[in-house]
Amino acid sequence: MASIIRIPTVLRAAVGGNATLSVEGATIGEILGKVVAEFPGVEAQVFNADGSLHKFLNIYVNDDDVRYIGGLTAATKDGDEITLLPAVAGGATA
């Protein structure tokens, strides 16, 4: 069994229109690497040029923010739910 990745609407075009993906891997880094290998168009939204996680993409494993549980080295197990959540920022000023 694999982890289920929930894809937000704004990233679905980059992953073939999928709302969810089922991916096997022992860490967040391994899982995201497999997603990027299959769907290269999503790489810029997931990773910075240096390979670190993009600061405007929040990633949760079973509701825990990966930045607080090990980042790319955060362990995953079968059946985990991984949520990709782009940050919303900006707006008009008066």
PDB file of N, CA and C in Angstrom:
ATOM      1  N   MET A   1       0.833  -1.180   0.000  1.00  0.00           N
ATOM      2  CA  MET A   1       0.000   0.000   0.000  1.00  0.00           C
ATOM      3  C   MET A   1       0.880   1.246   0.000  1.00  0.00           C
ATOM      4  N   ALA A   2       0.357   2.348  -0.481  1.00  0.00           N
ATOM      5  CA  ALA A   2       1.132   3.571  -0.635  1.00  0.00           C
ATOM      6  C   ALA A   2       0.518   4.711   0.162  1.00  0.00           C
ATOM      7  N   SER A   3       1.185   5.833   0.139  1.00  0.00           N
ATOM      8  CA  SER A   3       0.637   7.060   0.703  1.00  0.00           C
ATOM      9  C   SER A   3      -0.237   7.721  -0.352  1.00  0.00           C
ATOM     10  N   ILE A   4      -1.256   8.432   0.100  1.00  0.00           N
ATOM     11  CA  ILE A   4      -2.150   9.155  -0.802  1.00  0.00           C
ATOM     12  C   ILE A   4      -1.798  10.636  -0.721  1.00  0.00           C
ATOM     13  N   ILE A   5      -1.538  11.245  -1.869  1.00  0.00           N
ATOM     14  CA  ILE A   5      -1.221  12.664  -1.931  1.00  0.00           C
ATOM     15  C   ILE A   5      -2.442  13.395  -2.455  1.00  0.00           C
ATOM     16  N   ARG A   6      -2.909  14.370  -1.710  1.00  0.00           N
ATOM     17  CA  ARG A   6      -4.039  15.202  -2.126  1.00  0.00           C
ATOM     18  C   ARG A   6      -3.482  16.414  -2.872  1.00  0.00           C
ATOM     19  N   ILE A   7      -3.935  16.577  -4.112  1.00  0.00           N
ATOM     20  CA  ILE A   7      -3.431  17.626  -4.987  1.00  0.00           C
ATOM     21  C   ILE A   7      -4.439  18.770  -5.045  1.00  0.00           C
ATOM     22  N   PRO A   8      -4.012  20.001  -4.731  1.00  0.00           N
ATOM     23  CA  PRO A   8      -4.941  21.132  -4.803  1.00  0.00           C
ATOM     24  C   PRO A   8      -5.256  21.479  -6.264  1.00  0.00           C
ATOM     25  N   THR A   9      -6.369  22.141  -6.462  1.00  0.00           N
ATOM     26  CA  THR A   9      -6.830  22.482  -7.804  1.00  0.00           C
ATOM     27  C   THR A   9      -5.767  23.207  -8.624  1.00  0.00           C
ATOM     28  N   VAL A  10      -5.045  24.130  -8.028  1.00  0.00           N
ATOM     29  CA  VAL A  10      -4.066  24.926  -8.773  1.00  0.00           C
ATOM     30  C   VAL A  10      -2.877  24.105  -9.278  1.00  0.00           C
ATOM     31  N   LEU A  11      -2.641  22.931  -8.728  1.00  0.00           N
ATOM     32  CA  LEU A  11      -1.527  22.087  -9.184  1.00  0.00           C
ATOM     33  C   LEU A  11      -1.976  20.908 -10.043  1.00  0.00           C
ATOM     34  N   ARG A  12      -3.266  20.701 -10.174  1.00  0.00           N
ATOM     35  CA  ARG A  12      -3.753  19.512 -10.883  1.00  0.00           C
ATOM     36  C   ARG A  12      -3.346  19.457 -12.342  1.00  0.00           C
ATOM     37  N   ALA A  13      -3.304  20.585 -13.021  1.00  0.00           N
ATOM     38  CA  ALA A  13      -2.902  20.569 -14.432  1.00  0.00           C
ATOM     39  C   ALA A  13      -1.482  20.020 -14.589  1.00  0.00           C
ATOM     40  N   ALA A  14      -0.621  20.292 -13.607  1.00  0.00           N
ATOM     41  CA  ALA A  14       0.772  19.838 -13.663  1.00  0.00           C
ATOM     42  C   ALA A  14       0.924  18.346 -13.378  1.00  0.00           C
ATOM     43  N   VAL A  15      -0.136  17.722 -12.827  1.00  0.00           N
ATOM     44  CA  VAL A  15      -0.080  16.288 -12.523  1.00  0.00           C
ATOM     45  C   VAL A  15      -1.170  15.530 -13.283  1.00  0.00           C
ATOM     46  N   GLY A  16      -1.413  15.958 -14.498  1.00  0.00           N
ATOM     47  CA  GLY A  16      -2.344  15.245 -15.362  1.00  0.00           C
ATOM     48  C   GLY A  16      -3.799  15.344 -14.962  1.00  0.00           C
ATOM     49  N   GLY A  17      -4.159  16.370 -14.184  1.00  0.00           N
ATOM     50  CA  GLY A  17      -5.540  16.559 -13.772  1.00  0.00           C
ATOM     51  C   GLY A  17      -5.952  15.735 -12.565  1.00  0.00           C
ATOM     52  N   ASN A  18      -5.032  15.013 -11.972  1.00  0.00           N
ATOM     53  CA  ASN A  18      -5.339  14.150 -10.820  1.00  0.00           C
ATOM     54  C   ASN A  18      -5.628  14.951  -9.558  1.00  0.00           C
ATOM     55  N   ALA A  19      -6.664  14.555  -8.830  1.00  0.00           N
ATOM     56  CA  ALA A  19      -6.961  15.152  -7.529  1.00  0.00           C
ATOM     57  C   ALA A  19      -6.192  14.454  -6.421  1.00  0.00           C
ATOM     58  N   THR A  20      -5.824  13.201  -6.654  1.00  0.00           N
ATOM     59  CA  THR A  20      -5.008  12.441  -5.706  1.00  0.00           C
ATOM     60  C   THR A  20      -4.015  11.594  -6.490  1.00  0.00           C
ATOM     61  N   LEU A  21      -2.925  11.269  -5.824  1.00  0.00           N
ATOM     62  CA  LEU A  21      -1.929  10.347  -6.367  1.00  0.00           C
ATOM     63  C   LEU A  21      -1.620   9.320  -5.289  1.00  0.00           C
ATOM     64  N   SER A  22      -1.342   8.109  -5.688  1.00  0.00           N
ATOM     65  CA  SER A  22      -0.919   7.061  -4.778  1.00  0.00           C
ATOM     66  C   SER A  22       0.551   6.782  -5.071  1.00  0.00           C
ATOM     67  N   VAL A  23       1.407   7.046  -4.074  1.00  0.00           N
ATOM     68  CA  VAL A  23       2.851   6.943  -4.283  1.00  0.00           C
ATOM     69  C   VAL A  23       3.484   6.212  -3.110  1.00  0.00           C
ATOM     70  N   GLU A  24       4.383   5.287  -3.402  1.00  0.00           N
ATOM     71  CA  GLU A  24       5.114   4.573  -2.357  1.00  0.00           C
ATOM     72  C   GLU A  24       6.435   5.267  -2.076  1.00  0.00           C
ATOM     73  N   GLY A  25       6.826   5.277  -0.815  1.00  0.00           N
ATOM     74  CA  GLY A  25       8.098   5.858  -0.428  1.00  0.00           C
ATOM     75  C   GLY A  25       8.225   5.894   1.075  1.00  0.00           C
ATOM     76  N   ALA A  26       9.464   5.903   1.553  1.00  0.00           N
ATOM     77  CA  ALA A  26       9.722   5.871   2.992  1.00  0.00           C
ATOM     78  C   ALA A  26       9.842   7.256   3.607  1.00  0.00           C
ATOM     79  N   THR A  27      10.050   8.284   2.757  1.00  0.00           N
ATOM     80  CA  THR A  27      10.178   9.662   3.253  1.00  0.00           C
ATOM     81  C   THR A  27       9.426  10.610   2.322  1.00  0.00           C
ATOM     82  N   ILE A  28       9.172  11.802   2.812  1.00  0.00           N
ATOM     83  CA  ILE A  28       8.538  12.826   1.979  1.00  0.00           C
ATOM     84  C   ILE A  28       9.410  13.120   0.763  1.00  0.00           C
ATOM     85  N   GLY A  29      10.710  13.206   0.954  1.00  0.00           N
ATOM     86  CA  GLY A  29      11.620  13.472  -0.162  1.00  0.00           C
ATOM     87  C   GLY A  29      11.533  12.414  -1.246  1.00  0.00           C
ATOM     88  N   GLU A  30      11.485  11.158  -0.835  1.00  0.00           N
ATOM     89  CA  GLU A  30      11.386  10.058  -1.802  1.00  0.00           C
ATOM     90  C   GLU A  30      10.055  10.118  -2.551  1.00  0.00           C
ATOM     91  N   ILE A  31       8.980  10.358  -1.837  1.00  0.00           N
ATOM     92  CA  ILE A  31       7.659  10.425  -2.461  1.00  0.00           C
ATOM     93  C   ILE A  31       7.576  11.602  -3.429  1.00  0.00           C
ATOM     94  N   LEU A  32       8.010  12.789  -2.992  1.00  0.00           N
ATOM     95  CA  LEU A  32       7.951  13.946  -3.872  1.00  0.00           C
ATOM     96  C   LEU A  32       8.878  13.790  -5.075  1.00  0.00           C
ATOM     97  N   GLY A  33      10.008  13.132  -4.872  1.00  0.00           N
ATOM     98  CA  GLY A  33      10.913  12.851  -5.984  1.00  0.00           C
ATOM     99  C   GLY A  33      10.252  11.992  -7.044  1.00  0.00           C
ATOM    100  N   LYS A  34       9.468  11.014  -6.616  1.00  0.00           N
ATOM    101  CA  LYS A  34       8.748  10.154  -7.561  1.00  0.00           C
ATOM    102  C   LYS A  34       7.662  10.926  -8.299  1.00  0.00           C
ATOM    103  N   VAL A  35       6.993  11.824  -7.579  1.00  0.00           N
ATOM    104  CA  VAL A  35       5.963  12.645  -8.230  1.00  0.00           C
ATOM    105  C   VAL A  35       6.596  13.526  -9.305  1.00  0.00           C
ATOM    106  N   VAL A  36       7.707  14.172  -8.970  1.00  0.00           N
ATOM    107  CA  VAL A  36       8.393  15.049  -9.924  1.00  0.00           C
ATOM    108  C   VAL A  36       8.947  14.251 -11.107  1.00  0.00           C
ATOM    109  N   ALA A  37       9.425  13.042 -10.854  1.00  0.00           N
ATOM    110  CA  ALA A  37       9.933  12.210 -11.949  1.00  0.00           C
ATOM    111  C   ALA A  37       8.820  11.865 -12.940  1.00  0.00           C
ATOM    112  N   GLU A  38       7.617  11.623 -12.419  1.00  0.00           N
ATOM    113  CA  GLU A  38       6.488  11.284 -13.289  1.00  0.00           C
ATOM    114  C   GLU A  38       5.839  12.519 -13.905  1.00  0.00           C
ATOM    115  N   PHE A  39       5.853  13.622 -13.168  1.00  0.00           N
ATOM    116  CA  PHE A  39       5.210  14.859 -13.618  1.00  0.00           C
ATOM    117  C   PHE A  39       6.192  16.022 -13.469  1.00  0.00           C
ATOM    118  N   PRO A  40       7.167  16.154 -14.375  1.00  0.00           N
ATOM    119  CA  PRO A  40       8.208  17.184 -14.237  1.00  0.00           C
ATOM    120  C   PRO A  40       7.678  18.614 -14.159  1.00  0.00           C
ATOM    121  N   GLY A  41       6.495  18.870 -14.675  1.00  0.00           N
ATOM    122  CA  GLY A  41       5.936  20.214 -14.658  1.00  0.00           C
ATOM    123  C   GLY A  41       5.614  20.738 -13.275  1.00  0.00           C
ATOM    124  N   VAL A  42       5.564  19.872 -12.292  1.00  0.00           N
ATOM    125  CA  VAL A  42       5.234  20.298 -10.931  1.00  0.00           C
ATOM    126  C   VAL A  42       6.492  20.618 -10.106  1.00  0.00           C
ATOM    127  N   GLU A  43       7.651  20.332 -10.639  1.00  0.00           N
ATOM    128  CA  GLU A  43       8.889  20.482  -9.863  1.00  0.00           C
ATOM    129  C   GLU A  43       9.095  21.893  -9.321  1.00  0.00           C
ATOM    130  N   ALA A  44       8.856  22.918 -10.136  1.00  0.00           N
ATOM    131  CA  ALA A  44       9.091  24.296  -9.697  1.00  0.00           C
ATOM    132  C   ALA A  44       8.148  24.718  -8.576  1.00  0.00           C
ATOM    133  N   GLN A  45       6.994  24.065  -8.468  1.00  0.00           N
ATOM    134  CA  GLN A  45       6.072  24.391  -7.385  1.00  0.00           C
ATOM    135  C   GLN A  45       6.410  23.641  -6.099  1.00  0.00           C
ATOM    136  N   VAL A  46       7.187  22.572  -6.215  1.00  0.00           N
ATOM    137  CA  VAL A  46       7.508  21.742  -5.063  1.00  0.00           C
ATOM    138  C   VAL A  46       8.896  22.047  -4.499  1.00  0.00           C
ATOM    139  N   PHE A  47       9.871  22.203  -5.388  1.00  0.00           N
ATOM    140  CA  PHE A  47      11.265  22.366  -4.953  1.00  0.00           C
ATOM    141  C   PHE A  47      11.861  23.689  -5.412  1.00  0.00           C
ATOM    142  N   ASN A  48      12.778  24.224  -4.599  1.00  0.00           N
ATOM    143  CA  ASN A  48      13.615  25.349  -5.002  1.00  0.00           C
ATOM    144  C   ASN A  48      14.741  24.802  -5.874  1.00  0.00           C
ATOM    145  N   ALA A  49      15.498  25.684  -6.498  1.00  0.00           N
ATOM    146  CA  ALA A  49      16.610  25.271  -7.362  1.00  0.00           C
ATOM    147  C   ALA A  49      17.645  24.441  -6.616  1.00  0.00           C
ATOM    148  N   ASP A  50      17.785  24.663  -5.300  1.00  0.00           N
ATOM    149  CA  ASP A  50      18.775  23.916  -4.514  1.00  0.00           C
ATOM    150  C   ASP A  50      18.240  22.572  -3.995  1.00  0.00           C
ATOM    151  N   GLY A  51      16.993  22.225  -4.363  1.00  0.00           N
ATOM    152  CA  GLY A  51      16.422  20.947  -3.954  1.00  0.00           C
ATOM    153  C   GLY A  51      15.644  20.979  -2.655  1.00  0.00           C
ATOM    154  N   SER A  52      15.619  22.128  -1.987  1.00  0.00           N
ATOM    155  CA  SER A  52      14.839  22.255  -0.751  1.00  0.00           C
ATOM    156  C   SER A  52      13.363  22.466  -1.101  1.00  0.00           C
ATOM    157  N   LEU A  53      12.512  22.293  -0.109  1.00  0.00           N
ATOM    158  CA  LEU A  53      11.084  22.494  -0.330  1.00  0.00           C
ATOM    159  C   LEU A  53      10.785  23.957  -0.609  1.00  0.00           C
ATOM    160  N   HIS A  54       9.917  24.188  -1.577  1.00  0.00           N
ATOM    161  CA  HIS A  54       9.520  25.551  -1.917  1.00  0.00           C
ATOM    162  C   HIS A  54       8.817  26.183  -0.722  1.00  0.00           C
ATOM    163  N   LYS A  55       9.180  27.409  -0.386  1.00  0.00           N
ATOM    164  CA  LYS A  55       8.632  28.036   0.821  1.00  0.00           C
ATOM    165  C   LYS A  55       7.153  28.380   0.709  1.00  0.00           C
ATOM    166  N   PHE A  56       6.610  28.437  -0.503  1.00  0.00           N
ATOM    167  CA  PHE A  56       5.198  28.767  -0.665  1.00  0.00           C
ATOM    168  C   PHE A  56       4.318  27.540  -0.864  1.00  0.00           C
ATOM    169  N   LEU A  57       4.855  26.365  -0.575  1.00  0.00           N
ATOM    170  CA  LEU A  57       4.063  25.141  -0.608  1.00  0.00           C
ATOM    171  C   LEU A  57       4.121  24.501   0.775  1.00  0.00           C
ATOM    172  N   ASN A  58       2.988  24.409   1.417  1.00  0.00           N
ATOM    173  CA  ASN A  58       2.910  23.742   2.713  1.00  0.00           C
ATOM    174  C   ASN A  58       2.574  22.276   2.464  1.00  0.00           C
ATOM    175  N   ILE A  59       3.248  21.392   3.173  1.00  0.00           N
ATOM    176  CA  ILE A  59       3.037  19.960   3.005  1.00  0.00           C
ATOM    177  C   ILE A  59       2.742  19.364   4.378  1.00  0.00           C
ATOM    178  N   TYR A  60       1.661  18.615   4.425  1.00  0.00           N
ATOM    179  CA  TYR A  60       1.235  17.991   5.671  1.00  0.00           C
ATOM    180  C   TYR A  60       1.174  16.485   5.511  1.00  0.00           C
ATOM    181  N   VAL A  61       1.637  15.762   6.522  1.00  0.00           N
ATOM    182  CA  VAL A  61       1.483  14.310   6.585  1.00  0.00           C
ATOM    183  C   VAL A  61       0.542  14.048   7.753  1.00  0.00           C
ATOM    184  N   ASN A  62      -0.643  13.553   7.439  1.00  0.00           N
ATOM    185  CA  ASN A  62      -1.643  13.305   8.482  1.00  0.00           C
ATOM    186  C   ASN A  62      -1.821  14.526   9.383  1.00  0.00           C
ATOM    187  N   ASP A  63      -1.922  15.696   8.800  1.00  0.00           N
ATOM    188  CA  ASP A  63      -2.145  16.974   9.485  1.00  0.00           C
ATOM    189  C   ASP A  63      -0.922  17.548  10.194  1.00  0.00           C
ATOM    190  N   ASP A  64       0.248  16.916  10.076  1.00  0.00           N
ATOM    191  CA  ASP A  64       1.476  17.462  10.663  1.00  0.00           C
ATOM    192  C   ASP A  64       2.295  18.142   9.569  1.00  0.00           C
ATOM    193  N   ASP A  65       2.685  19.392   9.806  1.00  0.00           N
ATOM    194  CA  ASP A  65       3.493  20.149   8.860  1.00  0.00           C
ATOM    195  C   ASP A  65       4.879  19.504   8.779  1.00  0.00           C
ATOM    196  N   VAL A  66       5.313  19.141   7.565  1.00  0.00           N
ATOM    197  CA  VAL A  66       6.598  18.441   7.423  1.00  0.00           C
ATOM    198  C   VAL A  66       7.781  19.284   7.870  1.00  0.00           C
ATOM    199  N   ARG A  67       7.637  20.582   7.868  1.00  0.00           N
ATOM    200  CA  ARG A  67       8.742  21.435   8.314  1.00  0.00           C
ATOM    201  C   ARG A  67       9.071  21.208   9.789  1.00  0.00           C
ATOM    202  N   TYR A  68       8.105  20.680  10.533  1.00  0.00           N
ATOM    203  CA  TYR A  68       8.305  20.450  11.964  1.00  0.00           C
ATOM    204  C   TYR A  68       8.537  18.978  12.311  1.00  0.00           C
ATOM    205  N   ILE A  69       8.480  18.110  11.299  1.00  0.00           N
ATOM    206  CA  ILE A  69       8.693  16.679  11.565  1.00  0.00           C
ATOM    207  C   ILE A  69       9.826  16.093  10.726  1.00  0.00           C
ATOM    208  N   GLY A  70      10.704  16.964  10.204  1.00  0.00           N
ATOM    209  CA  GLY A  70      11.872  16.465   9.497  1.00  0.00           C
ATOM    210  C   GLY A  70      12.029  16.897   8.057  1.00  0.00           C
ATOM    211  N   GLY A  71      11.105  17.700   7.543  1.00  0.00           N
ATOM    212  CA  GLY A  71      11.232  18.167   6.159  1.00  0.00           C
ATOM    213  C   GLY A  71      11.251  17.010   5.178  1.00  0.00           C
ATOM    214  N   LEU A  72      12.186  17.047   4.261  1.00  0.00           N
ATOM    215  CA  LEU A  72      12.283  15.998   3.231  1.00  0.00           C
ATOM    216  C   LEU A  72      12.617  14.638   3.819  1.00  0.00           C
ATOM    217  N   THR A  73      13.181  14.609   5.026  1.00  0.00           N
ATOM    218  CA  THR A  73      13.532  13.326   5.648  1.00  0.00           C
ATOM    219  C   THR A  73      12.407  12.784   6.532  1.00  0.00           C
ATOM    220  N   ALA A  74      11.278  13.495   6.611  1.00  0.00           N
ATOM    221  CA  ALA A  74      10.147  13.036   7.423  1.00  0.00           C
ATOM    222  C   ALA A  74       9.697  11.659   6.952  1.00  0.00           C
ATOM    223  N   ALA A  75       9.595  10.749   7.884  1.00  0.00           N
ATOM    224  CA  ALA A  75       9.208   9.371   7.553  1.00  0.00           C
ATOM    225  C   ALA A  75       7.739   9.293   7.156  1.00  0.00           C
ATOM    226  N   THR A  76       7.451   8.389   6.233  1.00  0.00           N
ATOM    227  CA  THR A  76       6.073   8.109   5.829  1.00  0.00           C
ATOM    228  C   THR A  76       5.862   6.606   5.917  1.00  0.00           C
ATOM    229  N   LYS A  77       4.583   6.249   6.014  1.00  0.00           N
ATOM    230  CA  LYS A  77       4.251   4.822   6.045  1.00  0.00           C
ATOM    231  C   LYS A  77       3.016   4.593   5.193  1.00  0.00           C
ATOM    232  N   ASP A  78       2.756   3.360   4.873  1.00  0.00           N
ATOM    233  CA  ASP A  78       1.599   3.016   4.061  1.00  0.00           C
ATOM    234  C   ASP A  78       0.330   3.597   4.662  1.00  0.00           C
ATOM    235  N   GLY A  79      -0.480   4.189   3.808  1.00  0.00           N
ATOM    236  CA  GLY A  79      -1.753   4.732   4.238  1.00  0.00           C
ATOM    237  C   GLY A  79      -1.718   6.167   4.711  1.00  0.00           C
ATOM    238  N   ASP A  80      -0.522   6.765   4.806  1.00  0.00           N
ATOM    239  CA  ASP A  80      -0.446   8.171   5.202  1.00  0.00           C
ATOM    240  C   ASP A  80      -1.167   9.038   4.179  1.00  0.00           C
ATOM    241  N   GLU A  81      -1.766  10.123   4.652  1.00  0.00           N
ATOM    242  CA  GLU A  81      -2.378  11.108   3.770  1.00  0.00           C
ATOM    243  C   GLU A  81      -1.485  12.332   3.748  1.00  0.00           C
ATOM    244  N   ILE A  82      -1.023  12.665   2.559  1.00  0.00           N
ATOM    245  CA  ILE A  82      -0.133  13.807   2.361  1.00  0.00           C
ATOM    246  C   ILE A  82      -0.926  14.876   1.623  1.00  0.00           C
ATOM    247  N   THR A  83      -0.925  16.079   2.179  1.00  0.00           N
ATOM    248  CA  THR A  83      -1.658  17.177   1.573  1.00  0.00           C
ATOM    249  C   THR A  83      -0.682  18.246   1.115  1.00  0.00           C
ATOM    250  N   LEU A  84      -0.796  18.646  -0.145  1.00  0.00           N
ATOM    251  CA  LEU A  84      -0.026  19.759  -0.683  1.00  0.00           C
ATOM    252  C   LEU A  84      -0.932  20.979  -0.622  1.00  0.00           C
ATOM    253  N   LEU A  85      -0.457  22.044  -0.004  1.00  0.00           N
ATOM    254  CA  LEU A  85      -1.291  23.225   0.171  1.00  0.00           C
ATOM    255  C   LEU A  85      -0.478  24.485  -0.154  1.00  0.00           C
ATOM    256  N   PRO A  86      -0.673  25.028  -1.366  1.00  0.00           N
ATOM    257  CA  PRO A  86       0.042  26.259  -1.717  1.00  0.00           C
ATOM    258  C   PRO A  86      -0.366  27.401  -0.789  1.00  0.00           C
ATOM    259  N   ALA A  87       0.609  28.212  -0.412  1.00  0.00           N
ATOM    260  CA  ALA A  87       0.328  29.375   0.435  1.00  0.00           C
ATOM    261  C   ALA A  87      -0.396  30.434  -0.398  1.00  0.00           C
ATOM    262  N   VAL A  88      -1.288  31.136   0.250  1.00  0.00           N
ATOM    263  CA  VAL A  88      -1.996  32.238  -0.386  1.00  0.00           C
ATOM    264  C   VAL A  88      -1.425  33.518   0.204  1.00  0.00           C
ATOM    265  N   ALA A  89      -0.938  34.404  -0.659  1.00  0.00           N
ATOM    266  CA  ALA A  89      -0.334  35.627  -0.197  1.00  0.00           C
ATOM    267  C   ALA A  89      -0.614  36.746  -1.183  1.00  0.00           C
ATOM    268  N   GLY A  90      -0.343  37.935  -0.742  1.00  0.00           N
ATOM    269  CA  GLY A  90      -0.489  39.084  -1.628  1.00  0.00           C
ATOM    270  C   GLY A  90      -1.789  39.813  -1.389  1.00  0.00           C
ATOM    271  N   GLY A  91      -2.100  40.691  -2.319  1.00  0.00           N
ATOM    272  CA  GLY A  91      -3.328  41.467  -2.208  1.00  0.00           C
ATOM    273  C   GLY A  91      -3.038  42.910  -2.514  1.00  0.00           C
ATOM    274  N   ALA A  92      -4.069  43.653  -2.656  1.00  0.00           N
ATOM    275  CA  ALA A  92      -3.935  45.074  -2.997  1.00  0.00           C
ATOM    276  C   ALA A  92      -3.730  45.897  -1.738  1.00  0.00           C
ATOM    277  N   THR A  93      -3.036  46.991  -1.918  1.00  0.00           N
ATOM    278  CA  THR A  93      -2.872  47.941  -0.825  1.00  0.00           C
ATOM    279  C   THR A  93      -3.603  49.220  -1.200  1.00  0.00           C
ATOM    280  N   ALA A  94      -4.035  49.952  -0.226  1.00  0.00           N
ATOM    281  CA  ALA A  94      -4.792  51.185  -0.488  1.00  0.00           C
ATOM    282  C   ALA A  94      -3.894  52.315  -0.851  1.00  0.00           C
TER     283      ALA A  94
END
